[in-house]
Amino acid sequence: MEIKKKYIYWSEGSRSEREIGSAQDGRVLLGYIDGYPEYVTWGRSLDELKRNLMFMYREISVGEVAQVRRVSELAMDVFGDA
């Protein structure tokens, strides 16, 4: 079964700021799955970041991560009757 989840990612660092072990150009990609902004992971490439995000989502969805905070949406009529 395939599940699609949006994720947010960004690049951080430069060659002068990172030690050996980071991406070739000095960048490290950080990201999180949409709806779980407190659970950030990283990768040296976009493929590695995606693998880490999938692994993290599996851990969250099977209950391996305690006290998971989620983002949801609340619909309400602000000007309607109570």
N, C-alpha and C. Protein backbone atom coordinates (compact mmCIF):
# COMPACT_ATOMS: atom_id res chain seq x y z
N MET A 1 0.84 -1.18 0.00
CA MET A 1 0.00 0.00 0.00
C MET A 1 0.88 1.24 0.00
N GLU A 2 0.60 2.14 -0.90
CA GLU A 2 1.37 3.37 -1.00
C GLU A 2 0.62 4.52 -0.35
N ILE A 3 1.31 5.27 0.49
CA ILE A 3 0.76 6.47 1.13
C ILE A 3 1.61 7.64 0.68
N LYS A 4 0.97 8.71 0.26
CA LYS A 4 1.71 9.91 -0.12
C LYS A 4 1.59 10.94 0.98
N LYS A 5 2.71 11.48 1.38
CA LYS A 5 2.77 12.53 2.39
C LYS A 5 3.61 13.68 1.85
N LYS A 6 3.18 14.89 2.08
CA LYS A 6 3.98 16.05 1.73
C LYS A 6 5.07 16.22 2.77
N TYR A 7 6.18 16.77 2.33
CA TYR A 7 7.26 17.06 3.27
C TYR A 7 7.87 18.41 2.94
N ILE A 8 8.45 19.01 3.94
CA ILE A 8 9.07 20.32 3.82
C ILE A 8 10.56 20.12 4.05
N TYR A 9 11.39 20.71 3.20
CA TYR A 9 12.83 20.57 3.39
C TYR A 9 13.55 21.85 3.02
N TRP A 10 14.77 21.97 3.53
CA TRP A 10 15.60 23.13 3.27
C TRP A 10 17.06 22.73 3.41
N SER A 11 17.91 23.59 2.85
CA SER A 11 19.34 23.35 2.90
C SER A 11 19.95 24.22 3.99
N GLU A 12 20.91 23.65 4.69
CA GLU A 12 21.54 24.41 5.76
C GLU A 12 23.04 24.18 5.72
N GLY A 13 23.78 25.24 5.96
CA GLY A 13 25.23 25.12 6.07
C GLY A 13 25.95 25.42 4.78
N SER A 14 27.23 25.54 4.88
CA SER A 14 28.11 25.73 3.74
C SER A 14 29.39 24.96 4.02
N ARG A 15 30.23 24.86 3.04
CA ARG A 15 31.46 24.08 3.19
C ARG A 15 32.28 24.55 4.38
N SER A 16 32.33 25.83 4.61
CA SER A 16 33.14 26.35 5.71
C SER A 16 32.51 26.11 7.08
N GLU A 17 31.20 25.87 7.12
CA GLU A 17 30.50 25.70 8.41
C GLU A 17 30.38 24.26 8.84
N ARG A 18 30.49 23.31 7.93
CA ARG A 18 30.26 21.91 8.25
C ARG A 18 31.56 21.12 8.30
N GLU A 19 31.58 20.13 9.16
CA GLU A 19 32.74 19.26 9.28
C GLU A 19 32.67 18.16 8.24
N ILE A 20 33.71 17.36 8.15
CA ILE A 20 33.74 16.21 7.24
C ILE A 20 32.55 15.31 7.55
N GLY A 21 31.96 14.73 6.53
CA GLY A 21 30.81 13.86 6.71
C GLY A 21 29.54 14.49 6.19
N SER A 22 29.58 15.77 5.84
CA SER A 22 28.39 16.40 5.28
C SER A 22 28.44 16.25 3.76
N ALA A 23 27.45 16.80 3.10
CA ALA A 23 27.36 16.70 1.64
C ALA A 23 28.60 17.28 0.99
N GLN A 24 28.88 16.86 -0.24
CA GLN A 24 30.09 17.29 -0.93
C GLN A 24 30.18 18.81 -1.01
N ASP A 25 29.09 19.48 -1.24
CA ASP A 25 29.15 20.93 -1.35
C ASP A 25 28.97 21.60 0.00
N GLY A 26 28.99 20.82 1.07
CA GLY A 26 28.89 21.38 2.41
C GLY A 26 27.48 21.52 2.93
N ARG A 27 26.49 21.21 2.09
CA ARG A 27 25.11 21.38 2.52
C ARG A 27 24.58 20.13 3.20
N VAL A 28 23.70 20.35 4.13
CA VAL A 28 22.94 19.27 4.74
C VAL A 28 21.47 19.63 4.53
N LEU A 29 20.69 18.68 4.08
CA LEU A 29 19.26 18.92 3.89
C LEU A 29 18.51 18.50 5.13
N LEU A 30 17.69 19.38 5.63
CA LEU A 30 16.84 19.10 6.78
C LEU A 30 15.40 19.07 6.31
N GLY A 31 14.57 18.28 6.97
CA GLY A 31 13.17 18.23 6.55
C GLY A 31 12.29 17.52 7.56
N TYR A 32 10.99 17.69 7.37
CA TYR A 32 10.00 17.03 8.20
C TYR A 32 8.76 16.73 7.37
N ILE A 33 7.97 15.78 7.82
CA ILE A 33 6.74 15.41 7.15
C ILE A 33 5.66 16.42 7.54
N ASP A 34 4.92 16.89 6.55
CA ASP A 34 3.85 17.84 6.81
C ASP A 34 2.89 17.25 7.84
N GLY A 35 2.63 18.01 8.89
CA GLY A 35 1.78 17.53 9.97
C GLY A 35 2.58 17.11 11.19
N TYR A 36 3.89 16.95 11.03
CA TYR A 36 4.76 16.55 12.13
C TYR A 36 5.99 17.47 12.18
N PRO A 37 5.79 18.77 12.34
CA PRO A 37 6.91 19.71 12.23
C PRO A 37 7.96 19.60 13.33
N GLU A 38 7.66 18.92 14.40
CA GLU A 38 8.64 18.82 15.48
C GLU A 38 9.61 17.66 15.29
N TYR A 39 9.40 16.85 14.27
CA TYR A 39 10.23 15.68 14.03
C TYR A 39 11.06 15.89 12.77
N VAL A 40 12.17 16.59 12.93
CA VAL A 40 13.04 16.95 11.81
C VAL A 40 14.13 15.89 11.66
N THR A 41 14.42 15.54 10.42
CA THR A 41 15.53 14.63 10.13
C THR A 41 16.40 15.27 9.06
N TRP A 42 17.47 14.61 8.67
CA TRP A 42 18.43 15.21 7.73
C TRP A 42 18.94 14.17 6.75
N GLY A 43 19.58 14.67 5.71
CA GLY A 43 20.24 13.82 4.73
C GLY A 43 21.30 14.60 4.00
N ARG A 44 22.29 13.89 3.48
CA ARG A 44 23.35 14.52 2.70
C ARG A 44 22.92 14.73 1.25
N SER A 45 21.83 14.07 0.87
CA SER A 45 21.25 14.23 -0.46
C SER A 45 19.73 14.18 -0.31
N LEU A 46 19.03 14.55 -1.37
CA LEU A 46 17.57 14.50 -1.31
C LEU A 46 17.09 13.06 -1.16
N ASP A 47 17.74 12.12 -1.82
CA ASP A 47 17.36 10.71 -1.68
C ASP A 47 17.55 10.21 -0.25
N GLU A 48 18.67 10.58 0.38
CA GLU A 48 18.91 10.16 1.75
C GLU A 48 17.89 10.80 2.69
N LEU A 49 17.56 12.07 2.46
CA LEU A 49 16.55 12.74 3.29
C LEU A 49 15.21 12.03 3.15
N LYS A 50 14.81 11.69 1.92
CA LYS A 50 13.54 10.99 1.71
C LYS A 50 13.51 9.65 2.43
N ARG A 51 14.62 8.89 2.36
CA ARG A 51 14.69 7.60 3.07
C ARG A 51 14.51 7.81 4.57
N ASN A 52 15.18 8.82 5.11
CA ASN A 52 15.08 9.10 6.55
C ASN A 52 13.68 9.55 6.93
N LEU A 53 13.02 10.32 6.07
CA LEU A 53 11.65 10.75 6.33
C LEU A 53 10.70 9.55 6.33
N MET A 54 10.89 8.63 5.40
CA MET A 54 10.04 7.43 5.35
C MET A 54 10.25 6.58 6.60
N PHE A 55 11.48 6.42 7.01
CA PHE A 55 11.78 5.65 8.21
C PHE A 55 11.13 6.29 9.43
N MET A 56 11.26 7.62 9.53
CA MET A 56 10.68 8.34 10.66
C MET A 56 9.15 8.21 10.66
N TYR A 57 8.52 8.32 9.49
CA TYR A 57 7.06 8.20 9.41
C TYR A 57 6.61 6.82 9.87
N ARG A 58 7.34 5.77 9.46
CA ARG A 58 7.01 4.42 9.92
C ARG A 58 7.07 4.33 11.43
N GLU A 59 8.11 4.90 12.03
CA GLU A 59 8.24 4.87 13.50
C GLU A 59 7.08 5.60 14.17
N ILE A 60 6.70 6.76 13.61
CA ILE A 60 5.59 7.53 14.18
C ILE A 60 4.28 6.75 14.04
N SER A 61 4.03 6.19 12.85
CA SER A 61 2.74 5.56 12.59
C SER A 61 2.53 4.25 13.34
N VAL A 62 3.59 3.57 13.75
CA VAL A 62 3.42 2.32 14.50
C VAL A 62 3.56 2.53 16.00
N GLY A 63 3.73 3.77 16.43
CA GLY A 63 3.77 4.05 17.85
C GLY A 63 5.14 3.97 18.49
N GLU A 64 6.19 3.92 17.70
CA GLU A 64 7.56 3.87 18.23
C GLU A 64 7.96 5.19 18.88
N VAL A 65 7.35 6.29 18.43
CA VAL A 65 7.65 7.61 18.96
C VAL A 65 6.57 7.97 19.97
N ALA A 66 6.98 8.25 21.19
CA ALA A 66 6.02 8.58 22.26
C ALA A 66 5.56 10.03 22.16
N GLN A 67 4.35 10.27 22.56
CA GLN A 67 3.77 11.61 22.66
C GLN A 67 3.91 12.42 21.37
N VAL A 68 3.46 11.83 20.28
CA VAL A 68 3.52 12.48 18.98
C VAL A 68 2.56 13.65 18.95
N ARG A 69 3.06 14.79 18.56
CA ARG A 69 2.20 15.97 18.38
C ARG A 69 1.84 16.06 16.92
N ARG A 70 0.58 16.29 16.66
CA ARG A 70 0.09 16.34 15.28
C ARG A 70 -0.49 17.71 14.97
N VAL A 71 -0.53 18.02 13.69
CA VAL A 71 -1.17 19.24 13.21
C VAL A 71 -2.46 18.81 12.53
N SER A 72 -3.53 19.50 12.82
CA SER A 72 -4.81 19.19 12.21
C SER A 72 -5.50 20.49 11.84
N GLU A 73 -6.71 20.40 11.36
CA GLU A 73 -7.44 21.58 10.93
C GLU A 73 -8.80 21.59 11.60
N LEU A 74 -9.20 22.74 12.07
CA LEU A 74 -10.49 22.92 12.72
C LEU A 74 -11.32 23.88 11.88
N ALA A 75 -12.50 23.44 11.45
CA ALA A 75 -13.39 24.30 10.67
C ALA A 75 -14.47 24.81 11.59
N MET A 76 -14.70 26.13 11.55
CA MET A 76 -15.74 26.70 12.40
C MET A 76 -16.34 27.93 11.73
N ASP A 77 -17.56 28.18 12.04
CA ASP A 77 -18.25 29.35 11.54
C ASP A 77 -18.08 30.45 12.58
N VAL A 78 -17.20 31.39 12.33
CA VAL A 78 -16.86 32.41 13.32
C VAL A 78 -18.02 33.35 13.57
N PHE A 79 -18.80 33.64 12.55
CA PHE A 79 -19.87 34.62 12.71
C PHE A 79 -21.26 33.97 12.81
N GLY A 80 -21.31 32.66 12.86
CA GLY A 80 -22.59 31.97 12.91
C GLY A 80 -23.15 31.90 14.33
N ASP A 81 -24.27 31.24 14.46
CA ASP A 81 -24.89 31.04 15.77
C ASP A 81 -24.07 30.07 16.58
N ALA A 82 -24.13 30.22 17.88
CA ALA A 82 -23.36 29.38 18.79
C ALA A 82 -23.94 28.01 18.93
